[in-house]
């Protein structure tokens, strides 16, 4: 069987104008980036507003493990499968971050015969969206220090500047730094740091704003610092939001590419789901819903993070309501949740699969509470045995949840047609209700508790007095109606990455809270989660290079 990279190289991508014409986008409404990728113009997006919406399908997964689940691969494969059975379908996924691409993960454009292309471009600089977000974020950081240098008319307390800088590379050495060293000409020395670009509030705003006007308004509402009396200083107080919006004018436009089966795909935005809301842009999703009858999108990491935030933040803010959910699992990942080491995953172990199904079952139960029908998609590996696969099918059947074995990695859209037909059946059964675990008017700490108890199955939440005091201050300032975005490890329902399966009876430790006033949510940082990841002992960057033919090698 050929490798991911070999399959990607052998693919015959069509001119992007041909892909665009299939979903009604005239060539003059494209901003082309070479032959096979383009942005869709703002005028075309505006013309879509009166069209009816198609059906929205969310792809999520069990908690990720090093064994792999294939959520993006399933998203791409399902889009191809829907087109294969005669449906007009698009997919909407996030742009990969250079951080994990050069760190542990490698490329993030799908796999096997269920990929989006051009793979090299998508995984690297693509259309420059992340660079624009980085530049806009860091322009604001520079303007804050510049304002302080030139007299500090806003009376910013330099000990309480909340705006860091960002870079889209994992670099632990930049987590805590000192800026302004070197004398009077360089400003005032102070502690600061870097986050990764995908954790930037600017990224979250770009992915949640519906248009350019809302983008500028949300940027202006970001809190960047506090005065000595603890009153907030906003981005708009520095008059930075206009220039930032200008830097983001093209980044706001969704990127149109194609699958290896030449089906249309939007790849736009890229917030992480463990430290942000983890969904592609609202603009891309809403546009796709006007352009296709079925739209398949994904939410990052496991359903406890990505799907919860998709429902509680993206759907709540954008007025979206998915018609079906596909919950991705693999026999390999279930065995790891059942206690099997990665090196032993190839050996049949039905009992470990059965044990690991507790993680799958917890996610099925949680998704059911949101009121959306669920299909379990078993992403097939060649090492899976019939007995192991049947164990999962029977487990799902006992819980009244349909499950399909999907072979899209090896067979493309043809390998997931049964699941595609089932998803169509679920979507056509009627519009489901959307039940959220907390209401807007609940206190902020109670919202955190609601997610911890209802989704993670924690006994409670621990936080010191500073956290409670900060939440109370924000409620008094009018931010109490915001949803919460819990930042925690993706590997467990708890904040402890070693607690696999379906742990319960634990306490969720909230060590810090941050207000993303422009994005419109409150971040609760739990356990040891970092907003600037580090590189692993052997980063993927060590094996990424040009081959003898000048092609990029090592991204897969």
Protein backbone atom coordinates (compact mmCIF):
# COMPACT_ATOMS: atom_id res chain seq x y z
CA UNK A 1 0.00 0.00 0.00
CA UNK A 2 1.45 3.43 -0.88
CA UNK A 3 2.13 5.96 1.88
CA UNK A 4 0.21 9.17 2.52
CA UNK A 5 2.87 11.25 0.81
CA UNK A 6 3.03 8.94 -2.20
CA UNK A 7 -0.75 9.08 -2.58
CA UNK A 8 -0.72 12.88 -2.33
CA UNK A 9 2.01 13.19 -4.96
CA UNK A 10 0.18 10.90 -7.37
CA UNK A 11 -3.09 12.84 -7.10
CA UNK A 12 -4.32 14.75 -10.14
CA UNK A 13 -5.68 18.02 -8.81
CA UNK A 14 -7.93 20.03 -11.10
CA UNK A 15 -7.67 23.79 -11.68
CA UNK A 16 -9.36 25.53 -8.78
CA UNK A 17 -11.71 27.37 -11.17
CA UNK A 18 -13.20 23.99 -12.12
CA UNK A 19 -13.78 23.09 -8.46
CA UNK A 20 -15.30 26.52 -7.83
CA UNK A 21 -17.71 26.20 -10.75
CA UNK A 22 -19.19 23.03 -9.21
CA UNK A 23 -20.41 25.06 -6.24
CA UNK A 24 -21.42 28.09 -8.26
CA UNK A 25 -18.44 30.38 -7.76
CA UNK A 26 -17.57 32.30 -10.97
CA UNK A 27 -13.88 32.57 -11.80
CA UNK A 28 -13.97 36.36 -11.41
CA UNK A 29 -15.00 35.89 -7.76
CA UNK A 30 -11.81 33.95 -6.97
CA UNK A 31 -8.54 35.31 -5.62
CA UNK A 32 -6.23 32.63 -7.00
CA UNK A 33 -3.08 31.46 -5.24
CA UNK A 34 -1.54 29.51 -8.09
CA UNK A 35 -3.42 26.83 -10.01
CA UNK A 36 -5.09 24.82 -7.24
CA UNK A 37 -6.06 27.08 -4.37
CA UNK A 38 -7.99 30.33 -4.07
CA UNK A 39 -9.87 32.61 -1.74
CA UNK A 40 -13.53 33.35 -2.39
CA UNK A 41 -14.35 37.04 -2.72
CA UNK A 42 -16.30 39.05 -0.21
CA UNK A 43 -18.83 40.08 -2.87
CA UNK A 44 -19.64 36.44 -3.61
CA UNK A 45 -20.00 35.65 0.09
CA UNK A 46 -22.43 38.56 0.42
CA UNK A 47 -24.48 37.23 -2.50
CA UNK A 48 -25.13 33.96 -0.67
CA UNK A 49 -27.16 35.41 2.20
CA UNK A 50 -30.61 34.75 0.74
CA UNK A 51 -29.95 31.10 -0.14
CA UNK A 52 -31.29 28.29 2.05
CA UNK A 53 -28.91 26.32 4.25
CA UNK A 54 -27.84 22.75 3.65
CA UNK A 55 -27.40 20.09 6.33
CA UNK A 56 -24.51 20.39 8.79
CA UNK A 57 -22.59 17.30 9.96
CA UNK A 58 -20.04 17.50 12.76
CA UNK A 59 -17.15 15.03 12.92
CA UNK A 60 -15.61 14.56 16.35
CA UNK A 61 -13.72 11.74 18.09
CA UNK A 62 -12.89 9.86 21.25
CA UNK A 63 -9.97 11.20 23.29
CA UNK A 64 -6.87 11.19 21.08
CA UNK A 65 -4.02 8.77 21.64
CA UNK A 66 -0.65 8.24 19.90
CA UNK A 67 -2.38 5.38 18.05
CA UNK A 68 -4.38 7.88 16.00
CA UNK A 69 -8.10 8.30 15.36
CA UNK A 70 -8.26 9.94 11.92
CA UNK A 71 -10.79 12.69 12.52
CA UNK A 72 -9.64 14.88 9.62
CA UNK A 73 -9.27 11.81 7.42
CA UNK A 74 -12.86 10.84 8.24
CA UNK A 75 -14.10 14.37 7.58
CA UNK A 76 -12.50 14.37 4.14
CA UNK A 77 -13.57 10.79 3.43
CA UNK A 78 -17.18 11.47 4.43
CA UNK A 79 -17.32 14.49 2.15
CA UNK A 80 -16.06 12.31 -0.71
CA UNK A 81 -18.49 9.54 0.29
CA UNK A 82 -21.47 11.90 0.18
CA UNK A 83 -20.44 13.09 -3.28
CA UNK A 84 -19.95 9.45 -4.34
CA UNK A 85 -23.59 8.66 -3.54
CA UNK A 86 -24.77 11.63 -5.57
CA UNK A 87 -25.05 14.34 -2.94
CA UNK A 88 -23.71 17.88 -3.34
CA UNK A 89 -21.31 18.08 -0.39
CA UNK A 90 -18.46 20.27 0.86
CA UNK A 91 -16.08 19.92 3.76
CA UNK A 92 -14.87 22.63 6.15
CA UNK A 93 -11.69 22.02 8.15
CA UNK A 94 -9.06 24.08 9.92
CA UNK A 95 -5.67 25.14 8.61
CA UNK A 96 -2.74 23.22 10.12
CA UNK A 97 -0.39 25.04 12.50
CA UNK A 98 3.34 24.97 11.86
CA UNK A 99 3.80 24.23 15.57
CA UNK A 100 2.57 20.61 15.56
CA UNK A 101 3.60 20.14 11.92
CA UNK A 102 7.25 20.62 12.88
CA UNK A 103 6.74 19.18 16.35
CA UNK A 104 5.06 15.87 17.07
CA UNK A 105 2.15 15.60 14.68
CA UNK A 106 3.47 16.20 11.17
CA UNK A 107 1.00 17.13 8.42
CA UNK A 108 -2.69 17.64 9.06
CA UNK A 109 -4.44 17.42 5.70
CA UNK A 110 -6.05 14.00 6.09
CA UNK A 111 -4.47 10.70 5.10
CA UNK A 112 -4.43 7.90 2.57
CA UNK A 113 -6.99 8.46 -0.18
CA UNK A 114 -8.93 10.88 2.04
CA UNK A 115 -6.79 13.99 1.83
CA UNK A 116 -7.12 17.63 0.80
CA UNK A 117 -4.60 19.14 -1.55
CA UNK A 118 -2.22 20.62 -2.37
CA UNK A 119 -0.91 18.95 0.78
CA UNK A 120 2.49 20.70 0.93
CA UNK A 121 0.99 24.17 0.61
CA UNK A 122 -1.81 23.55 3.11
CA UNK A 123 0.64 22.27 5.71
CA UNK A 124 3.14 25.07 5.22
CA UNK A 125 2.45 28.75 4.44
CA UNK A 126 -0.78 28.12 2.47
CA UNK A 127 -2.38 31.52 1.66
CA UNK A 128 -0.65 33.39 4.47
CA UNK A 129 -3.58 33.53 6.89
CA UNK A 130 -1.54 32.56 9.95
CA UNK A 131 1.16 35.07 9.05
CA UNK A 132 -1.48 37.80 8.85
CA UNK A 133 -2.89 36.81 12.24
CA UNK A 134 0.61 36.78 13.74
CA UNK A 135 1.35 40.21 12.29
CA UNK A 136 -1.93 41.72 13.48
CA UNK A 137 -1.45 40.31 16.98
CA UNK A 138 2.14 41.54 17.24
CA UNK A 139 1.27 44.97 15.80
CA UNK A 140 -0.98 45.44 18.81
CA UNK A 141 1.79 44.30 21.17
CA UNK A 142 4.16 46.83 19.60
CA UNK A 143 1.58 49.62 19.87
CA UNK A 144 1.06 48.91 23.58
CA UNK A 145 4.76 49.26 24.36
CA UNK A 146 5.01 52.26 22.05
CA UNK A 147 2.14 53.97 23.86
CA UNK A 148 3.83 53.46 27.22
CA UNK A 149 7.13 54.76 25.80
CA UNK A 150 5.57 57.99 24.53
CA UNK A 151 4.08 59.09 27.84
CA UNK A 152 1.41 56.48 28.64
CA UNK A 153 -1.62 58.76 28.33
CA UNK A 154 -3.90 55.79 29.07
CA UNK A 155 -2.10 55.22 32.38
CA UNK A 156 -1.44 51.56 31.63
CA UNK A 157 0.00 49.68 34.59
CA UNK A 158 2.99 47.95 32.97
CA UNK A 159 2.71 45.17 35.57
CA UNK A 160 -0.75 44.38 34.24
CA UNK A 161 -0.26 44.27 30.48
CA UNK A 162 -2.22 41.19 29.47
CA UNK A 163 -1.28 41.09 25.77
CA UNK A 164 1.65 38.84 24.91
CA UNK A 165 3.23 38.23 21.52
CA UNK A 166 2.73 35.16 19.32
CA UNK A 167 4.64 32.98 16.87
CA UNK A 168 3.41 29.88 15.01
CA UNK A 169 6.24 27.62 16.16
CA UNK A 170 6.50 25.53 19.33
CA UNK A 171 9.15 27.34 21.36
CA UNK A 172 9.11 26.74 25.11
CA UNK A 173 11.97 29.22 25.66
CA UNK A 174 9.60 32.07 24.76
CA UNK A 175 6.89 31.24 27.31
CA UNK A 176 8.26 33.79 29.77
CA UNK A 177 10.58 36.56 28.60
CA UNK A 178 11.67 40.08 29.53
CA UNK A 179 11.18 42.86 26.98
CA UNK A 180 12.49 46.43 26.93
CA UNK A 181 16.05 45.67 28.02
CA UNK A 182 18.98 47.75 26.79
CA UNK A 183 18.35 51.23 28.12
CA UNK A 184 15.97 54.16 27.84
CA UNK A 185 15.74 54.04 24.03
CA UNK A 186 14.21 50.56 24.16
CA UNK A 187 11.35 51.38 26.51
CA UNK A 188 10.56 50.03 29.95
CA UNK A 189 11.72 46.59 31.01
CA UNK A 190 8.87 44.26 31.93
CA UNK A 191 7.94 40.61 32.03
CA UNK A 192 6.07 39.24 29.00
CA UNK A 193 5.94 36.08 26.90
CA UNK A 194 4.80 34.37 23.73
CA UNK A 195 1.84 32.14 22.94
CA UNK A 196 1.49 30.06 19.80
CA UNK A 197 -0.43 31.88 17.05
CA UNK A 198 -3.36 29.46 17.14
CA UNK A 199 -3.94 30.42 20.80
CA UNK A 200 -4.24 34.11 19.93
CA UNK A 201 -7.52 35.85 20.61
CA UNK A 202 -7.13 37.32 17.12
CA UNK A 203 -7.35 33.77 15.72
CA UNK A 204 -10.49 33.11 17.75
CA UNK A 205 -12.07 36.36 16.59
CA UNK A 206 -11.29 35.68 12.93
CA UNK A 207 -12.97 32.28 13.27
CA UNK A 208 -16.06 33.61 15.06
CA UNK A 209 -16.71 36.88 13.21
CA UNK A 210 -19.34 36.80 10.46
CA UNK A 211 -17.94 39.67 8.39
CA UNK A 212 -15.26 42.37 8.25
CA UNK A 213 -17.29 44.88 10.27
CA UNK A 214 -17.81 42.40 13.10
CA UNK A 215 -14.12 41.50 12.94
CA UNK A 216 -13.05 45.12 13.53
CA UNK A 217 -15.62 45.57 16.28
CA UNK A 218 -14.51 42.43 18.11
CA UNK A 219 -10.83 43.38 17.77
CA UNK A 220 -11.60 46.72 19.38
CA UNK A 221 -13.24 45.02 22.37
CA UNK A 222 -10.16 42.99 23.30
CA UNK A 223 -8.76 43.85 26.73
CA UNK A 224 -5.00 44.36 26.47
CA UNK A 225 -4.05 45.78 29.87
CA UNK A 226 -5.29 47.26 33.13
CA UNK A 227 -4.66 50.53 34.95
CA UNK A 228 -3.61 50.80 38.58
CA UNK A 229 -7.27 51.12 39.54
CA UNK A 230 -7.78 47.81 37.67
CA UNK A 231 -9.98 49.40 35.00
CA UNK A 232 -9.46 47.75 31.59
CA UNK A 233 -7.65 49.19 28.60
CA UNK A 234 -9.15 48.04 25.30
CA UNK A 235 -7.56 47.60 21.91
CA UNK A 236 -9.81 50.37 20.60
CA UNK A 237 -8.36 52.75 23.22
CA UNK A 238 -5.04 52.41 21.38
CA UNK A 239 -6.74 52.84 17.99
CA UNK A 240 -5.10 49.61 16.87
CA UNK A 241 -8.15 47.68 15.73
CA UNK A 242 -8.51 49.44 12.37
CA UNK A 243 -4.98 48.63 11.26
CA UNK A 244 -5.30 45.09 12.57
CA UNK A 245 -8.48 44.58 10.55
CA UNK A 246 -6.68 45.87 7.45
CA UNK A 247 -3.92 43.28 7.98
CA UNK A 248 -6.62 40.61 8.20
CA UNK A 249 -8.74 41.69 5.22
CA UNK A 250 -7.68 38.77 3.01
CA UNK A 251 -7.21 36.31 5.87
CA UNK A 252 -10.93 36.70 6.56
CA UNK A 253 -11.80 35.15 3.19
CA UNK A 254 -12.18 31.34 3.16
CA UNK A 255 -9.67 29.24 1.25
CA UNK A 256 -11.09 26.93 -1.42
CA UNK A 257 -9.15 23.75 -2.22
CA UNK A 258 -10.13 20.19 -3.17
CA UNK A 259 -9.99 16.62 -1.97
CA UNK A 260 -7.99 14.02 -3.86
CA UNK A 261 -11.33 13.05 -5.47
CA UNK A 262 -11.67 16.65 -6.68
CA UNK A 263 -14.50 17.61 -4.35
CA UNK A 264 -14.66 21.17 -2.93
CA UNK A 265 -13.28 21.98 0.51
CA UNK A 266 -12.87 25.11 2.61
CA UNK A 267 -9.73 25.11 4.78
CA UNK A 268 -9.89 28.21 6.95
CA UNK A 269 -8.84 29.24 10.45
CA UNK A 270 -7.07 27.10 12.99
CA UNK A 271 -7.70 27.56 16.73
CA UNK A 272 -6.57 24.64 18.93
CA UNK A 273 -9.35 22.85 20.81
CA UNK A 274 -7.36 22.30 23.99
CA UNK A 275 -6.56 26.01 24.45
CA UNK A 276 -9.16 27.71 22.24
CA UNK A 277 -12.52 26.79 20.69
CA UNK A 278 -11.06 24.45 18.05
CA UNK A 279 -13.34 24.97 15.02
CA UNK A 280 -12.93 26.30 11.51
CA UNK A 281 -14.28 29.76 10.72
CA UNK A 282 -17.95 30.69 10.96
CA UNK A 283 -17.57 32.47 7.60
CA UNK A 284 -16.45 29.26 5.86
CA UNK A 285 -19.09 27.09 7.51
CA UNK A 286 -21.94 29.48 6.75
CA UNK A 287 -20.79 29.98 3.16
CA UNK A 288 -20.52 26.22 2.59
CA UNK A 289 -24.04 25.72 3.95
CA UNK A 290 -25.29 28.09 1.24
CA UNK A 291 -23.21 26.43 -1.49
CA UNK A 292 -23.85 22.73 -0.80
CA UNK A 293 -26.64 20.45 0.38
CA UNK A 294 -24.39 18.73 2.95
CA UNK A 295 -21.47 20.25 4.83
CA UNK A 296 -19.05 18.13 6.84
CA UNK A 297 -16.96 19.95 9.42
CA UNK A 298 -14.74 18.88 12.30
CA UNK A 299 -13.97 20.04 15.82
CA UNK A 300 -10.54 19.53 17.31
CA UNK A 301 -9.37 16.72 19.59
CA UNK A 302 -11.91 14.61 21.47
CA UNK A 303 -15.61 15.37 21.84
CA UNK A 304 -15.06 16.53 25.43
CA UNK A 305 -13.11 19.50 24.06
CA UNK A 306 -13.83 20.13 20.38
CA UNK A 307 -17.46 19.07 20.19
CA UNK A 308 -18.38 20.71 23.49
CA UNK A 309 -16.87 24.01 22.31
CA UNK A 310 -18.41 23.61 18.87
CA UNK A 311 -21.84 23.44 20.50
CA UNK A 312 -21.32 25.82 23.43
CA UNK A 313 -19.29 28.52 21.65
CA UNK A 314 -19.51 28.28 17.85
CA UNK A 315 -23.16 27.17 17.59
CA UNK A 316 -24.23 29.46 20.43
CA UNK A 317 -22.52 32.48 18.85
CA UNK A 318 -23.28 31.79 15.18
CA UNK A 319 -26.78 30.34 15.45
CA UNK A 320 -25.73 27.01 13.94
CA UNK A 321 -27.44 23.71 14.62
CA UNK A 322 -25.85 20.48 13.33
CA UNK A 323 -28.11 17.78 11.92
CA UNK A 324 -25.85 14.82 12.80
CA UNK A 325 -22.59 13.93 14.54
CA UNK A 326 -20.04 11.31 13.48
CA UNK A 327 -17.96 10.10 16.43
CA UNK A 328 -14.65 8.68 15.17
CA UNK A 329 -12.88 5.81 16.95
CA UNK A 330 -10.27 3.23 16.08
CA UNK A 331 -9.65 -0.24 17.48
CA UNK A 332 -6.04 0.82 18.13
CA UNK A 333 -7.06 3.86 20.20
CA UNK A 334 -9.62 1.85 22.13
CA UNK A 335 -6.94 -0.72 22.98
CA UNK A 336 -4.72 2.06 24.31
CA UNK A 337 -7.61 3.27 26.45
CA UNK A 338 -7.90 -0.34 27.60
CA UNK A 339 -4.31 -0.34 28.84
CA UNK A 340 -2.32 -1.69 25.87
CA UNK A 341 1.08 -0.13 25.15
CA UNK A 342 1.62 1.42 21.71
CA UNK A 343 4.21 -1.22 20.80
CA UNK A 344 1.65 -4.01 21.35
CA UNK A 345 -1.28 -2.58 19.40
CA UNK A 346 -0.90 -4.88 16.40
CA UNK A 347 -1.73 -7.99 18.44
CA UNK A 348 -5.39 -8.94 18.79
CA UNK A 349 -6.77 -8.07 22.22
CA UNK A 350 -10.54 -8.20 22.36
CA UNK A 351 -10.65 -7.68 26.12
CA UNK A 352 -8.61 -4.47 25.87
CA UNK A 353 -10.97 -3.23 23.16
CA UNK A 354 -13.91 -3.98 25.43
CA UNK A 355 -12.22 -2.12 28.31
CA UNK A 356 -11.35 0.84 26.10
CA UNK A 357 -14.91 1.14 24.88
CA UNK A 358 -15.67 2.90 28.15
CA UNK A 359 -14.11 6.02 26.61
CA UNK A 360 -16.25 5.64 23.50
CA UNK A 361 -19.36 5.07 25.61
CA UNK A 362 -18.77 8.22 27.65
CA UNK A 363 -18.56 10.30 24.48
CA UNK A 364 -21.72 8.68 23.08
CA UNK A 365 -23.58 9.54 26.30
CA UNK A 366 -22.30 13.12 26.28
CA UNK A 367 -23.18 13.77 22.65
CA UNK A 368 -26.68 12.37 23.22
CA UNK A 369 -27.28 15.06 25.84
CA UNK A 370 -26.83 17.75 23.17
CA UNK A 371 -29.84 16.31 21.33
CA UNK A 372 -28.11 15.53 18.01
CA UNK A 373 -28.15 12.01 16.47
CA UNK A 374 -24.81 10.20 16.61
CA UNK A 375 -23.14 7.70 14.28
CA UNK A 376 -19.95 5.96 15.41
CA UNK A 377 -17.43 5.83 12.59
CA UNK A 378 -14.83 3.09 13.06
CA UNK A 379 -11.75 4.17 11.13
CA UNK A 380 -10.34 0.87 9.85
CA UNK A 381 -6.68 -0.13 10.20
CA UNK A 382 -5.19 -3.20 8.49
CA UNK A 383 -4.24 -4.64 11.90
CA UNK A 384 -7.87 -4.68 13.09
CA UNK A 385 -9.32 -8.16 13.46
CA UNK A 386 -12.91 -9.15 12.81
CA UNK A 387 -13.36 -10.04 16.48
CA UNK A 388 -12.14 -6.63 17.62
CA UNK A 389 -14.32 -4.77 15.14
CA UNK A 390 -17.35 -6.84 16.06
CA UNK A 391 -16.76 -6.06 19.74
CA UNK A 392 -17.11 -2.35 19.03
CA UNK A 393 -20.15 -2.81 16.79
CA UNK A 394 -21.89 -4.86 19.48
CA UNK A 395 -20.96 -2.33 22.18
CA UNK A 396 -22.56 0.47 20.16
CA UNK A 397 -25.62 -1.60 19.30
CA UNK A 398 -26.21 -2.33 22.98
CA UNK A 399 -26.42 1.43 23.52
CA UNK A 400 -28.75 2.03 20.60
CA UNK A 401 -26.08 3.84 18.59
CA UNK A 402 -25.45 2.92 14.95
CA UNK A 403 -21.84 2.24 13.91
CA UNK A 404 -20.13 1.78 10.55
CA UNK A 405 -16.69 0.42 9.66
CA UNK A 406 -15.09 2.98 7.34
CA UNK A 407 -12.28 2.21 4.89
CA UNK A 408 -11.83 5.65 3.36
CA UNK A 409 -8.08 5.72 4.06
CA UNK A 410 -7.58 2.81 1.67
CA UNK A 411 -10.55 3.24 -0.67
CA UNK A 412 -11.45 6.95 -0.57
CA UNK A 413 -15.11 7.90 -0.82
CA UNK A 414 -16.11 4.40 -1.91
CA UNK A 415 -14.89 3.06 1.43
CA UNK A 416 -17.29 5.18 3.47
CA UNK A 417 -20.45 5.13 1.36
CA UNK A 418 -22.44 3.13 3.93
CA UNK A 419 -21.72 5.76 6.58
CA UNK A 420 -22.58 8.52 4.10
CA UNK A 421 -25.99 6.95 3.44
CA UNK A 422 -26.61 6.58 7.16
CA UNK A 423 -25.69 10.22 7.75
CA UNK A 424 -28.12 11.32 5.02
CA UNK A 425 -30.82 9.24 6.67
CA UNK A 426 -30.11 10.87 10.04
CA UNK A 427 -30.10 14.37 8.53
CA UNK A 428 -33.37 13.84 6.69
CA UNK A 429 -35.13 12.46 9.77
CA UNK A 430 -35.78 16.00 10.98
CA UNK A 431 -34.02 18.96 12.54
CA UNK A 432 -32.83 17.99 16.01
CA UNK A 433 -33.02 20.25 19.00
CA UNK A 434 -29.77 21.59 20.44
CA UNK A 435 -29.51 21.24 24.21
CA UNK A 436 -26.64 23.09 25.88
CA UNK A 437 -25.24 22.23 29.33
CA UNK A 438 -25.58 25.75 30.67
CA UNK A 439 -27.56 28.91 29.99
CA UNK A 440 -26.17 32.37 29.30
CA UNK A 441 -27.46 33.75 32.60
CA UNK A 442 -25.63 31.26 34.84
CA UNK A 443 -22.65 32.64 36.83
CA UNK A 444 -19.30 32.00 35.15
CA UNK A 445 -18.00 29.58 37.76
CA UNK A 446 -21.22 27.58 37.58
CA UNK A 447 -20.75 27.32 33.80
CA UNK A 448 -17.29 25.84 34.36
CA UNK A 449 -18.78 23.45 36.90
CA UNK A 450 -21.55 22.46 34.46
CA UNK A 451 -19.04 21.39 31.81
CA UNK A 452 -16.82 19.68 34.38
CA UNK A 453 -19.67 17.68 35.90
CA UNK A 454 -21.83 16.98 32.84
CA UNK A 455 -19.13 16.43 30.19
CA UNK A 456 -15.98 15.43 32.10
CA UNK A 457 -17.87 13.71 34.97
CA UNK A 458 -15.79 15.47 37.62
CA UNK A 459 -17.06 15.62 41.19
CA UNK A 460 -16.31 19.32 41.27
CA UNK A 461 -13.98 22.19 40.37
CA UNK A 462 -11.19 23.63 42.51
CA UNK A 463 -9.98 27.22 42.16
CA UNK A 464 -8.33 29.67 44.56
CA UNK A 465 -9.82 32.93 45.74
CA UNK A 466 -8.11 34.94 42.99
CA UNK A 467 -9.97 32.97 40.32
CA UNK A 468 -13.32 33.45 42.04
CA UNK A 469 -12.61 37.14 42.58
CA UNK A 470 -11.61 37.64 38.96
CA UNK A 471 -14.77 35.93 37.67
CA UNK A 472 -16.89 38.09 39.98
CA UNK A 473 -15.18 41.25 38.67
CA UNK A 474 -15.91 40.26 35.09
CA UNK A 475 -19.54 39.53 35.92
CA UNK A 476 -19.85 42.96 37.53
CA UNK A 477 -18.33 44.49 34.39
CA UNK A 478 -20.99 42.90 32.19
CA UNK A 479 -19.22 39.79 30.94
CA UNK A 480 -21.24 37.26 32.93
CA UNK A 481 -23.30 36.10 29.95
CA UNK A 482 -20.25 34.84 28.03
CA UNK A 483 -19.69 31.11 27.46
CA UNK A 484 -16.64 29.39 28.94
CA UNK A 485 -13.77 27.82 27.03
CA UNK A 486 -11.98 25.25 29.17
CA UNK A 487 -8.31 24.69 28.33
CA UNK A 488 -7.10 21.28 29.47
CA UNK A 489 -5.28 18.22 28.24
CA UNK A 490 -6.82 16.54 25.21
CA UNK A 491 -5.79 13.05 26.30
CA UNK A 492 -8.23 12.59 29.18
CA UNK A 493 -11.64 13.66 30.40
CA UNK A 494 -9.73 14.96 33.43
CA UNK A 495 -6.83 17.44 33.59
CA UNK A 496 -4.44 14.51 34.10
CA UNK A 497 -3.27 13.09 30.72
CA UNK A 498 -2.47 9.72 32.31
CA UNK A 499 -6.12 9.04 33.28
CA UNK A 500 -7.36 7.25 30.18
CA UNK A 501 -10.68 5.50 29.62
CA UNK A 502 -13.64 7.07 31.41
CA UNK A 503 -12.37 8.44 34.73
CA UNK A 504 -14.74 9.91 37.29
CA UNK A 505 -14.60 11.08 40.88
CA UNK A 506 -11.82 13.60 40.21
CA UNK A 507 -11.65 17.35 40.77
CA UNK A 508 -10.96 19.69 37.86
CA UNK A 509 -8.23 22.16 38.92
CA UNK A 510 -8.63 25.66 37.44
CA UNK A 511 -5.35 27.49 37.93
CA UNK A 512 -6.09 30.63 35.94
CA UNK A 513 -8.87 32.40 34.04
CA UNK A 514 -8.53 34.77 31.09
CA UNK A 515 -11.11 37.05 29.54
CA UNK A 516 -11.29 36.99 25.75
CA UNK A 517 -13.69 39.92 25.57
CA UNK A 518 -13.39 40.35 21.81
CA UNK A 519 -13.80 36.69 20.97
CA UNK A 520 -16.62 36.53 23.49
CA UNK A 521 -15.67 33.80 25.96
CA UNK A 522 -13.87 33.23 29.25
CA UNK A 523 -10.94 30.80 29.20
CA UNK A 524 -10.43 28.53 32.23
CA UNK A 525 -6.90 27.10 32.19
CA UNK A 526 -6.71 23.74 33.96
CA UNK A 527 -3.85 21.55 35.13
CA UNK A 528 -0.54 21.91 33.31
CA UNK A 529 -1.87 22.92 29.89
CA UNK A 530 0.36 25.42 28.07
CA UNK A 531 -0.60 28.12 25.55
CA UNK A 532 2.89 27.80 24.06
CA UNK A 533 3.68 24.13 23.42
CA UNK A 534 7.22 22.76 23.36
CA UNK A 535 8.91 20.53 20.83
CA UNK A 536 9.24 16.80 21.61
CA UNK A 537 12.61 15.12 22.11
CA UNK A 538 12.70 14.22 18.41
CA UNK A 539 10.67 16.85 16.53
CA UNK A 540 9.20 16.13 13.11
CA UNK A 541 11.29 19.05 11.80
CA UNK A 542 14.36 16.79 11.92
CA UNK A 543 13.00 14.68 9.06
CA UNK A 544 11.36 17.39 6.91
CA UNK A 545 13.50 18.27 3.88
CA UNK A 546 13.63 18.32 0.08
CA UNK A 547 14.16 14.96 -1.60
CA UNK A 548 16.44 14.38 -4.58
CA UNK A 549 13.71 15.62 -6.92
CA UNK A 550 13.16 18.88 -5.05
CA UNK A 551 9.88 17.76 -3.46
CA UNK A 552 9.02 18.32 0.21
CA UNK A 553 9.53 15.13 2.20
CA UNK A 554 8.73 14.29 5.82
CA UNK A 555 5.43 16.14 6.30
CA UNK A 556 3.75 12.72 6.68
